[in-house]
N, C-alpha and C. Protein backbone atom coordinates (compact mmCIF):
# COMPACT_ATOMS: atom_id res chain seq x y z
N MET A 1 -53.95 136.09 -111.56
CA MET A 1 -53.24 137.19 -111.30
C MET A 1 -52.34 136.84 -109.95
N THR A 2 -51.10 136.97 -110.42
CA THR A 2 -50.63 137.01 -109.13
C THR A 2 -50.53 137.85 -107.96
N ALA A 3 -49.81 137.46 -106.98
CA ALA A 3 -49.53 137.91 -105.91
C ALA A 3 -48.43 139.20 -105.80
N ARG A 4 -48.15 140.56 -105.83
CA ARG A 4 -47.49 141.51 -105.59
C ARG A 4 -45.92 141.11 -105.20
N LEU A 5 -46.12 140.36 -104.06
CA LEU A 5 -44.41 140.15 -103.39
C LEU A 5 -44.30 138.66 -104.27
N LYS A 6 -44.82 137.92 -104.76
CA LYS A 6 -44.71 137.12 -105.45
C LYS A 6 -43.96 137.63 -106.33
N GLU A 7 -44.29 138.53 -107.82
CA GLU A 7 -43.72 138.87 -108.57
C GLU A 7 -42.46 139.71 -108.77
N HIS A 8 -42.28 140.35 -107.23
CA HIS A 8 -41.22 141.53 -106.31
C HIS A 8 -40.24 139.50 -106.45
N TYR A 9 -40.45 139.31 -105.60
CA TYR A 9 -39.68 137.71 -105.31
C TYR A 9 -38.98 137.34 -107.03
N ASP A 10 -39.68 136.95 -108.27
CA ASP A 10 -39.09 136.32 -108.91
C ASP A 10 -38.47 137.25 -109.75
N THR A 11 -38.36 139.05 -109.61
CA THR A 11 -38.34 139.38 -110.66
C THR A 11 -36.68 140.07 -109.77
N VAL A 12 -36.98 140.67 -108.78
CA VAL A 12 -35.64 141.10 -108.10
C VAL A 12 -35.25 140.44 -106.46
N VAL A 13 -35.42 139.53 -105.79
CA VAL A 13 -35.09 139.07 -104.58
C VAL A 13 -34.33 138.05 -105.08
N ARG A 14 -34.67 136.83 -105.87
CA ARG A 14 -34.14 136.08 -106.52
C ARG A 14 -32.49 136.09 -107.11
N GLU A 15 -32.40 137.41 -108.44
CA GLU A 15 -31.35 137.64 -108.19
C GLU A 15 -30.53 138.01 -107.57
N ALA A 16 -30.80 138.82 -106.47
CA ALA A 16 -30.50 139.22 -105.51
C ALA A 16 -29.61 138.38 -104.29
N LEU A 17 -30.13 137.37 -103.97
CA LEU A 17 -29.98 136.13 -103.14
C LEU A 17 -29.05 135.16 -103.95
N THR A 18 -29.27 134.99 -105.58
CA THR A 18 -28.49 134.60 -106.67
C THR A 18 -27.08 134.93 -106.12
N SER A 19 -27.06 136.54 -106.41
CA SER A 19 -25.61 137.00 -106.14
C SER A 19 -24.96 137.09 -105.42
N LYS A 20 -25.39 137.60 -104.24
CA LYS A 20 -25.01 137.28 -102.47
C LYS A 20 -24.84 136.36 -102.17
N HIS A 21 -25.02 135.27 -102.39
CA HIS A 21 -24.79 133.92 -101.94
C HIS A 21 -24.43 132.65 -102.67
N GLY A 22 -24.09 133.14 -104.25
CA GLY A 22 -23.76 132.24 -105.09
C GLY A 22 -24.32 131.24 -105.56
N TYR A 23 -25.25 130.89 -105.82
CA TYR A 23 -26.53 130.06 -106.32
C TYR A 23 -25.93 129.24 -107.58
N LYS A 24 -25.67 127.52 -107.90
CA LYS A 24 -25.47 127.34 -109.54
C LYS A 24 -26.67 126.96 -109.27
N ASN A 25 -27.12 127.20 -108.92
CA ASN A 25 -28.88 126.74 -109.88
C ASN A 25 -30.32 127.27 -109.21
N ARG A 26 -30.76 127.34 -109.51
CA ARG A 26 -31.98 128.38 -109.54
C ARG A 26 -33.26 127.58 -108.38
N PHE A 27 -33.07 126.26 -107.87
CA PHE A 27 -33.97 125.88 -107.12
C PHE A 27 -32.84 125.50 -105.87
N GLU A 28 -31.67 126.29 -105.83
CA GLU A 28 -31.05 125.94 -104.51
C GLU A 28 -31.31 127.29 -104.13
N VAL A 29 -32.28 128.54 -105.06
CA VAL A 29 -32.35 129.84 -103.94
C VAL A 29 -33.61 129.57 -102.71
N PRO A 30 -33.56 130.50 -101.94
CA PRO A 30 -34.47 130.04 -101.00
C PRO A 30 -35.50 130.84 -100.81
N ARG A 31 -36.85 130.18 -101.05
CA ARG A 31 -38.14 131.09 -100.88
C ARG A 31 -39.00 130.56 -100.21
N LEU A 32 -39.95 130.98 -99.76
CA LEU A 32 -40.93 130.80 -98.88
C LEU A 32 -41.97 129.75 -99.15
N ASP A 33 -42.22 129.23 -97.98
CA ASP A 33 -43.03 127.88 -98.32
C ASP A 33 -44.11 127.90 -96.84
N LYS A 34 -44.18 128.28 -96.17
CA LYS A 34 -45.82 129.04 -95.63
C LYS A 34 -45.52 129.03 -94.84
N ILE A 35 -47.01 130.50 -94.04
CA ILE A 35 -46.70 130.89 -93.10
C ILE A 35 -48.00 129.98 -91.99
N VAL A 36 -47.49 130.30 -91.17
CA VAL A 36 -48.87 129.45 -89.62
C VAL A 36 -49.04 130.64 -88.81
N ILE A 37 -49.94 131.04 -88.66
CA ILE A 37 -50.41 132.28 -87.93
C ILE A 37 -51.26 131.05 -86.52
N ASN A 38 -51.19 131.10 -85.27
CA ASN A 38 -51.65 130.37 -84.30
C ASN A 38 -51.79 131.95 -83.11
N MET A 39 -53.17 131.33 -82.60
CA MET A 39 -53.65 132.23 -82.12
C MET A 39 -54.11 131.26 -80.76
N GLY A 40 -53.73 131.26 -79.59
CA GLY A 40 -53.86 130.51 -78.10
C GLY A 40 -55.04 131.42 -77.65
N VAL A 41 -56.26 130.65 -77.01
CA VAL A 41 -57.09 131.33 -76.44
C VAL A 41 -57.35 130.16 -75.16
N GLY A 42 -56.24 130.28 -74.26
CA GLY A 42 -56.50 129.59 -72.65
C GLY A 42 -57.59 129.57 -71.87
N GLU A 43 -58.40 130.90 -72.24
CA GLU A 43 -59.30 131.41 -71.75
C GLU A 43 -60.88 130.45 -72.34
N ALA A 44 -60.46 129.75 -73.05
CA ALA A 44 -61.27 128.62 -73.97
C ALA A 44 -62.10 127.55 -73.10
N SER A 45 -61.11 127.18 -71.97
CA SER A 45 -61.42 126.16 -71.18
C SER A 45 -62.24 126.32 -70.50
N GLN A 46 -62.48 127.13 -70.02
CA GLN A 46 -63.82 127.61 -68.81
C GLN A 46 -65.03 128.13 -70.16
N ASP A 47 -64.21 129.45 -70.83
CA ASP A 47 -66.21 129.78 -71.47
C ASP A 47 -65.82 129.20 -73.28
N ARG A 48 -66.78 128.70 -73.28
CA ARG A 48 -66.83 128.10 -74.83
C ARG A 48 -66.71 129.13 -75.92
N LYS A 49 -67.23 130.30 -75.71
CA LYS A 49 -67.69 131.36 -76.09
C LYS A 49 -66.24 132.00 -77.03
N LEU A 50 -65.25 131.74 -76.11
CA LEU A 50 -64.49 132.80 -76.63
C LEU A 50 -63.56 132.23 -77.75
N ILE A 51 -63.99 130.96 -77.94
CA ILE A 51 -63.15 130.58 -79.33
C ILE A 51 -63.43 130.57 -80.27
N GLU A 52 -64.64 131.43 -80.54
CA GLU A 52 -65.75 131.64 -81.85
C GLU A 52 -65.14 132.95 -82.49
N GLY A 53 -65.20 133.90 -81.17
CA GLY A 53 -64.33 135.40 -81.23
C GLY A 53 -63.12 134.98 -82.00
N ALA A 54 -62.30 134.73 -81.63
CA ALA A 54 -60.67 134.01 -81.75
C ALA A 54 -61.27 133.27 -83.83
N VAL A 55 -61.75 132.48 -83.24
CA VAL A 55 -62.04 131.65 -85.31
C VAL A 55 -62.44 132.86 -86.13
N LYS A 56 -63.33 134.17 -85.75
CA LYS A 56 -63.84 135.20 -86.54
C LYS A 56 -62.70 135.96 -86.75
N ASP A 57 -61.98 136.46 -85.80
CA ASP A 57 -60.91 137.16 -86.32
C ASP A 57 -59.38 136.57 -86.48
N LEU A 58 -59.45 135.75 -86.63
CA LEU A 58 -58.43 135.09 -87.56
C LEU A 58 -58.82 134.54 -89.03
N THR A 59 -60.35 134.43 -89.26
CA THR A 59 -61.10 134.03 -90.65
C THR A 59 -60.87 135.08 -91.45
N ALA A 60 -60.87 136.26 -90.30
CA ALA A 60 -60.63 137.86 -90.85
C ALA A 60 -59.35 138.14 -91.58
N ILE A 61 -58.37 138.20 -90.77
CA ILE A 61 -56.98 138.28 -90.74
C ILE A 61 -56.04 137.34 -91.95
N ALA A 62 -56.74 136.14 -91.82
CA ALA A 62 -55.63 135.17 -93.22
C ALA A 62 -56.59 134.67 -94.45
N GLY A 63 -58.01 135.10 -94.47
CA GLY A 63 -58.52 134.76 -95.51
C GLY A 63 -58.99 133.46 -95.68
N GLN A 64 -58.66 132.16 -94.65
CA GLN A 64 -59.19 131.37 -94.95
C GLN A 64 -59.69 131.12 -93.72
N LYS A 65 -60.40 129.65 -92.98
CA LYS A 65 -61.27 129.33 -91.78
C LYS A 65 -59.94 128.62 -91.10
N PRO A 66 -59.97 128.60 -89.96
CA PRO A 66 -58.46 128.23 -89.32
C PRO A 66 -59.12 126.88 -88.62
N ILE A 67 -58.37 126.06 -87.99
CA ILE A 67 -58.77 125.18 -87.50
C ILE A 67 -58.71 124.97 -86.13
N ILE A 68 -59.18 124.30 -84.93
CA ILE A 68 -59.55 124.55 -83.44
C ILE A 68 -58.36 123.92 -82.87
N THR A 69 -57.09 124.06 -82.48
CA THR A 69 -56.04 123.32 -81.75
C THR A 69 -56.81 123.06 -80.63
N ARG A 70 -56.61 121.36 -79.88
CA ARG A 70 -57.21 120.75 -79.01
C ARG A 70 -55.72 120.31 -77.92
N ALA A 71 -55.99 119.74 -76.70
CA ALA A 71 -55.29 119.64 -75.74
C ALA A 71 -54.60 118.70 -75.94
N LYS A 72 -53.30 117.86 -76.09
CA LYS A 72 -52.81 117.11 -76.31
C LYS A 72 -52.86 115.80 -74.62
N LYS A 73 -52.72 116.48 -74.41
CA LYS A 73 -52.33 115.65 -72.86
C LYS A 73 -53.24 116.59 -72.07
N SER A 74 -53.61 116.14 -70.29
CA SER A 74 -54.15 116.91 -69.58
C SER A 74 -53.09 117.80 -68.59
N ILE A 75 -52.94 119.17 -68.06
CA ILE A 75 -52.00 119.70 -67.60
C ILE A 75 -53.04 120.00 -66.11
N ALA A 76 -52.79 119.71 -65.03
CA ALA A 76 -53.69 119.52 -64.04
C ALA A 76 -53.49 121.40 -63.16
N GLN A 77 -52.17 121.91 -63.46
CA GLN A 77 -52.02 123.14 -63.00
C GLN A 77 -52.70 124.02 -63.77
N PHE A 78 -52.81 124.04 -64.94
CA PHE A 78 -52.94 125.06 -65.95
C PHE A 78 -54.97 124.76 -66.08
N LYS A 79 -55.26 123.53 -65.44
CA LYS A 79 -56.88 123.09 -65.37
C LYS A 79 -57.09 123.29 -66.68
N VAL A 80 -56.52 122.37 -67.56
CA VAL A 80 -56.16 121.96 -68.83
C VAL A 80 -56.81 120.37 -68.72
N ARG A 81 -57.95 119.51 -69.59
CA ARG A 81 -57.46 118.19 -69.45
C ARG A 81 -57.35 117.52 -71.16
N ASP A 82 -57.33 116.96 -71.41
CA ASP A 82 -57.06 115.98 -72.30
C ASP A 82 -58.49 116.33 -73.56
N GLY A 83 -57.72 116.75 -74.90
CA GLY A 83 -58.96 117.03 -75.73
C GLY A 83 -60.00 118.70 -75.63
N MET A 84 -59.22 118.98 -74.51
CA MET A 84 -60.11 120.35 -74.76
C MET A 84 -59.43 121.80 -75.50
N VAL A 85 -60.60 122.53 -75.39
CA VAL A 85 -60.00 123.31 -76.99
C VAL A 85 -59.10 124.66 -75.84
N VAL A 86 -57.97 125.13 -76.77
CA VAL A 86 -56.81 126.00 -76.23
C VAL A 86 -56.19 126.66 -76.97
N GLY A 87 -56.81 127.09 -78.69
CA GLY A 87 -56.56 127.85 -80.01
C GLY A 87 -57.21 127.86 -81.02
N CYS A 88 -56.89 128.04 -81.89
CA CYS A 88 -56.74 128.10 -83.36
C CYS A 88 -55.65 128.13 -84.15
N LYS A 89 -55.16 127.81 -85.14
CA LYS A 89 -54.05 128.14 -86.00
C LYS A 89 -54.31 128.05 -87.58
N VAL A 90 -53.54 128.51 -88.05
CA VAL A 90 -54.45 128.60 -89.99
C VAL A 90 -53.08 128.74 -90.66
N THR A 91 -52.77 127.41 -91.68
CA THR A 91 -51.47 127.67 -92.17
C THR A 91 -52.07 128.19 -93.92
N LEU A 92 -50.89 129.33 -94.30
CA LEU A 92 -51.39 129.87 -95.41
C LEU A 92 -50.25 129.40 -96.71
N ARG A 93 -50.49 129.20 -97.52
CA ARG A 93 -49.54 128.80 -98.96
C ARG A 93 -49.85 129.73 -99.57
N ARG A 94 -48.84 129.61 -100.69
CA ARG A 94 -49.36 129.90 -102.44
C ARG A 94 -49.23 131.49 -102.26
N GLU A 95 -50.42 131.95 -103.35
CA GLU A 95 -50.77 133.45 -103.32
C GLU A 95 -51.17 133.56 -102.02
N ARG A 96 -52.37 133.33 -101.09
CA ARG A 96 -52.82 134.05 -99.45
C ARG A 96 -50.92 133.79 -98.63
N MET A 97 -50.48 133.45 -99.05
CA MET A 97 -48.83 133.11 -98.17
C MET A 97 -48.61 134.66 -98.32
N TYR A 98 -48.52 135.08 -99.93
CA TYR A 98 -47.84 136.29 -100.23
C TYR A 98 -48.66 137.34 -99.69
N GLU A 99 -49.91 137.26 -100.68
CA GLU A 99 -50.58 138.33 -99.79
C GLU A 99 -50.89 138.69 -98.74
N PHE A 100 -50.60 137.68 -97.30
CA PHE A 100 -50.74 137.91 -95.76
C PHE A 100 -49.79 138.79 -95.88
N LEU A 101 -48.31 138.16 -96.21
CA LEU A 101 -46.92 138.56 -95.72
C LEU A 101 -46.86 140.22 -96.29
N ASP A 102 -47.44 140.62 -97.27
CA ASP A 102 -47.43 142.33 -98.00
C ASP A 102 -48.47 142.55 -97.05
N ARG A 103 -49.56 142.27 -96.94
CA ARG A 103 -50.02 143.00 -95.20
C ARG A 103 -49.47 143.02 -94.11
N LEU A 104 -48.67 142.32 -94.09
CA LEU A 104 -48.26 142.57 -92.42
C LEU A 104 -47.14 142.99 -92.71
N VAL A 105 -46.38 143.11 -93.57
CA VAL A 105 -44.78 144.34 -93.85
C VAL A 105 -45.26 145.36 -94.21
N ASN A 106 -46.61 145.52 -95.06
CA ASN A 106 -46.80 147.04 -95.27
C ASN A 106 -47.98 147.78 -94.39
N ILE A 107 -48.62 147.21 -94.04
CA ILE A 107 -49.72 147.95 -93.39
C ILE A 107 -49.69 147.44 -92.16
N ALA A 108 -49.97 146.11 -91.14
CA ALA A 108 -49.71 145.59 -90.25
C ALA A 108 -48.33 146.23 -89.32
N LEU A 109 -47.61 145.75 -89.05
CA LEU A 109 -46.31 145.80 -88.58
C LEU A 109 -46.13 147.59 -87.86
N PRO A 110 -46.69 148.39 -89.71
CA PRO A 110 -46.45 150.01 -88.92
C PRO A 110 -47.40 150.71 -88.32
N ARG A 111 -48.28 149.95 -88.15
CA ARG A 111 -49.30 150.42 -86.97
C ARG A 111 -49.73 149.57 -85.75
N VAL A 112 -48.48 148.58 -85.07
CA VAL A 112 -48.42 148.35 -84.08
C VAL A 112 -47.72 149.92 -83.68
N ARG A 113 -47.58 149.84 -82.14
CA ARG A 113 -47.40 151.46 -81.23
C ARG A 113 -46.21 151.21 -80.99
N ASP A 114 -45.71 152.17 -81.17
CA ASP A 114 -43.93 152.28 -80.37
C ASP A 114 -43.27 151.51 -81.77
N PHE A 115 -43.55 151.07 -82.52
CA PHE A 115 -42.33 150.43 -83.47
C PHE A 115 -41.20 150.63 -83.63
N ARG A 116 -40.35 149.96 -83.59
CA ARG A 116 -38.82 149.94 -83.60
C ARG A 116 -38.54 149.03 -84.96
N GLY A 117 -39.28 148.23 -85.47
CA GLY A 117 -38.28 147.05 -86.10
C GLY A 117 -38.74 145.79 -85.32
N ILE A 118 -38.69 144.10 -85.92
CA ILE A 118 -39.16 143.32 -85.47
C ILE A 118 -37.66 142.96 -84.98
N PRO A 119 -37.08 142.17 -83.75
CA PRO A 119 -35.91 141.39 -83.42
C PRO A 119 -35.32 140.53 -84.28
N ALA A 120 -34.53 140.27 -84.35
CA ALA A 120 -33.58 139.56 -85.42
C ALA A 120 -33.39 138.39 -85.05
N ASN A 121 -33.44 137.94 -83.09
CA ASN A 121 -33.01 136.77 -83.16
C ASN A 121 -34.18 135.79 -82.97
N GLY A 122 -35.27 136.20 -83.64
CA GLY A 122 -36.22 135.11 -84.04
C GLY A 122 -36.30 133.46 -85.09
N PHE A 123 -34.69 133.85 -85.59
CA PHE A 123 -35.07 132.45 -86.32
C PHE A 123 -34.22 131.45 -85.93
N ASP A 124 -34.83 130.26 -85.97
CA ASP A 124 -34.77 129.04 -85.47
C ASP A 124 -33.32 128.12 -85.80
N GLY A 125 -32.70 128.34 -86.27
CA GLY A 125 -31.51 128.02 -87.37
C GLY A 125 -31.73 127.38 -88.15
N ALA A 126 -32.76 126.94 -88.82
CA ALA A 126 -32.88 126.05 -89.75
C ALA A 126 -33.84 126.89 -90.84
N GLY A 127 -33.95 128.30 -90.73
CA GLY A 127 -34.12 129.03 -91.99
C GLY A 127 -35.57 129.04 -91.38
N ASN A 128 -36.44 129.27 -90.34
CA ASN A 128 -37.44 129.72 -89.85
C ASN A 128 -37.44 130.61 -89.54
N TYR A 129 -38.70 131.54 -89.61
CA TYR A 129 -38.79 133.01 -88.42
C TYR A 129 -39.96 133.18 -88.17
N ASN A 130 -39.72 133.03 -85.94
CA ASN A 130 -41.12 132.96 -85.25
C ASN A 130 -40.89 134.70 -84.93
N MET A 131 -42.31 135.42 -85.20
CA MET A 131 -42.42 136.44 -84.53
C MET A 131 -43.92 136.35 -83.67
N GLY A 132 -44.32 137.23 -82.64
CA GLY A 132 -45.26 137.46 -82.00
C GLY A 132 -46.01 138.93 -82.03
N LEU A 133 -47.29 138.88 -82.14
CA LEU A 133 -47.73 140.20 -81.99
C LEU A 133 -48.80 140.60 -80.31
N LYS A 134 -49.37 141.07 -80.27
CA LYS A 134 -49.45 141.76 -78.96
C LYS A 134 -51.23 141.87 -78.94
N GLU A 135 -51.58 142.42 -79.91
CA GLU A 135 -52.83 143.01 -80.66
C GLU A 135 -53.73 142.25 -81.70
N GLN A 136 -54.30 141.53 -82.12
CA GLN A 136 -55.01 141.49 -83.72
C GLN A 136 -55.42 142.90 -83.88
N ILE A 137 -55.83 144.00 -83.58
CA ILE A 137 -56.31 145.19 -84.24
C ILE A 137 -55.36 146.09 -85.22
N VAL A 138 -54.11 145.11 -84.77
CA VAL A 138 -53.38 146.25 -85.97
C VAL A 138 -53.08 145.84 -87.54
N PHE A 139 -54.40 144.72 -87.56
CA PHE A 139 -54.65 144.31 -89.53
C PHE A 139 -55.83 145.29 -89.26
N PRO A 140 -55.88 145.76 -90.53
CA PRO A 140 -57.51 146.50 -91.45
C PRO A 140 -58.87 145.58 -91.46
N GLU A 141 -58.51 144.70 -91.62
CA GLU A 141 -59.39 143.80 -91.18
C GLU A 141 -60.53 143.19 -90.29
N ILE A 142 -59.90 144.24 -89.00
CA ILE A 142 -60.42 144.07 -87.69
C ILE A 142 -61.03 145.02 -87.44
N ASN A 143 -62.44 145.35 -87.10
CA ASN A 143 -63.00 146.41 -87.02
C ASN A 143 -63.04 146.12 -85.01
N TYR A 144 -62.15 147.31 -84.71
CA TYR A 144 -62.13 147.62 -83.33
C TYR A 144 -63.15 147.23 -82.65
N ASP A 145 -64.50 148.24 -83.13
CA ASP A 145 -65.82 147.94 -82.11
C ASP A 145 -66.29 146.67 -81.78
N GLN A 146 -65.78 145.76 -82.83
CA GLN A 146 -66.68 144.44 -82.83
C GLN A 146 -65.45 143.59 -81.58
N VAL A 147 -64.50 144.08 -81.72
CA VAL A 147 -63.43 143.00 -80.69
C VAL A 147 -64.10 142.84 -79.55
N ASP A 148 -63.73 141.37 -78.71
CA ASP A 148 -64.62 141.26 -77.57
C ASP A 148 -63.40 141.11 -76.81
N LYS A 149 -61.69 140.82 -77.34
CA LYS A 149 -60.93 140.66 -76.44
C LYS A 149 -59.68 141.07 -77.48
N MET A 150 -58.65 141.66 -76.48
CA MET A 150 -57.66 141.40 -77.21
C MET A 150 -56.93 140.20 -77.33
N ARG A 151 -56.47 139.56 -78.37
CA ARG A 151 -55.54 138.56 -78.31
C ARG A 151 -54.38 138.19 -79.13
N GLY A 152 -53.35 138.14 -78.70
CA GLY A 152 -52.19 138.07 -79.48
C GLY A 152 -51.71 136.43 -80.31
N MET A 153 -51.17 136.66 -81.16
CA MET A 153 -50.66 135.59 -81.98
C MET A 153 -49.49 135.35 -82.28
N ASN A 154 -48.85 134.31 -83.01
CA ASN A 154 -47.77 133.61 -83.05
C ASN A 154 -47.66 133.77 -84.54
N ILE A 155 -46.98 134.60 -85.09
CA ILE A 155 -46.67 133.88 -87.35
C ILE A 155 -44.95 133.52 -86.96
N THR A 156 -45.27 132.37 -87.51
CA THR A 156 -44.32 131.51 -87.93
C THR A 156 -43.83 131.67 -89.83
N ILE A 157 -43.06 132.26 -90.16
CA ILE A 157 -42.54 131.89 -91.76
C ILE A 157 -41.69 130.98 -91.97
N CYS A 158 -42.12 130.09 -92.18
CA CYS A 158 -41.26 129.10 -92.91
C CYS A 158 -40.76 129.35 -94.16
N THR A 159 -39.26 129.11 -94.50
CA THR A 159 -38.85 129.00 -95.74
C THR A 159 -37.82 127.80 -95.96
N THR A 160 -37.26 127.43 -97.24
CA THR A 160 -36.80 126.91 -97.97
C THR A 160 -35.39 126.86 -97.39
N ALA A 161 -34.93 127.63 -96.13
CA ALA A 161 -33.39 128.54 -96.66
C ALA A 161 -32.40 127.55 -95.26
N LYS A 162 -31.50 127.03 -95.67
CA LYS A 162 -30.73 126.23 -95.17
C LYS A 162 -30.54 127.45 -93.60
N THR A 163 -29.37 128.19 -93.76
CA THR A 163 -29.36 128.86 -92.79
C THR A 163 -29.81 130.02 -92.38
N ASN A 164 -29.59 130.53 -91.10
CA ASN A 164 -30.70 132.30 -90.83
C ASN A 164 -30.10 133.00 -91.43
N ASP A 165 -28.73 132.90 -91.71
CA ASP A 165 -28.45 134.32 -92.71
C ASP A 165 -28.96 134.53 -94.24
N GLU A 166 -28.85 133.03 -94.63
CA GLU A 166 -29.75 132.79 -96.67
C GLU A 166 -31.27 133.31 -95.74
N ALA A 167 -32.03 133.41 -94.79
CA ALA A 167 -33.32 132.92 -94.68
C ALA A 167 -33.72 135.00 -93.88
N ARG A 168 -32.56 135.50 -93.41
CA ARG A 168 -32.81 136.87 -92.83
C ARG A 168 -32.39 137.69 -94.58
N THR A 169 -31.66 137.20 -95.67
CA THR A 169 -31.33 138.41 -96.76
C THR A 169 -32.87 137.79 -97.24
N LEU A 170 -33.39 136.62 -97.34
CA LEU A 170 -34.76 136.23 -97.97
C LEU A 170 -35.68 137.56 -97.57
N LEU A 171 -36.11 137.26 -96.29
CA LEU A 171 -37.20 138.32 -95.51
C LEU A 171 -37.12 140.29 -96.11
N GLU A 172 -35.21 140.16 -95.89
CA GLU A 172 -34.80 141.86 -96.12
C GLU A 172 -35.20 141.59 -97.51
N GLY A 173 -35.44 140.92 -98.70
CA GLY A 173 -35.19 140.95 -99.55
C GLY A 173 -37.34 141.64 -99.86
N PHE A 174 -38.17 140.96 -99.01
CA PHE A 174 -39.64 141.51 -98.90
C PHE A 174 -40.06 142.60 -97.88
N ASN A 175 -38.85 143.46 -97.49
CA ASN A 175 -38.94 144.74 -96.98
C ASN A 175 -39.46 144.73 -95.65
N MET A 176 -38.85 143.23 -94.93
CA MET A 176 -39.18 143.12 -94.13
C MET A 176 -38.34 143.96 -92.74
N PRO A 177 -38.79 144.44 -91.56
CA PRO A 177 -37.92 145.82 -90.97
C PRO A 177 -37.73 145.11 -89.85
N PHE A 178 -36.15 144.13 -90.03
CA PHE A 178 -35.61 143.92 -88.86
C PHE A 178 -34.77 145.24 -87.94
N GLN A 179 -34.96 145.26 -86.95
CA GLN A 179 -34.16 145.96 -85.61
C GLN A 179 -33.03 146.06 -86.29
N LYS A 180 -31.90 147.12 -86.15
CA LYS A 180 -30.64 147.38 -86.50
C LYS A 180 -29.76 147.16 -85.71
């Protein structure tokens, strides 16, 4: 069984992109490559138990176990040593990627307090989009009573688009709520 957003891409979004940008080959049409969710836990350098809560929350949100990221070099002002735990991240591809994007756009983003759309300046020039969330409780998988600490996360949506305009058109095809 394929994800609902994947079927929407195959039937609607691909044709809309082809007609708007005039692609000659169907393999030229931009598509989603991967989604990377990163949760930084800077306080984990002092308390090792904080990373366990972050891993549990990210596992519930993404549907797969994240890897624990470690510091690459020591920074004395932040009290970080080489190899210390600084966060966790998960990379989603294929079906899980489409299911996460569907939940993000249709369930999580409307639950954000005072939501007026996501900023349109999060593109990096190579067709990738970065956005941040301040709280992990906007996802319905997270039980508010069992959250030990509010943590933010960075979500990177990687596409095969060459320009920001193509990537924006692709994400608008998935009903991504950009600010006007």
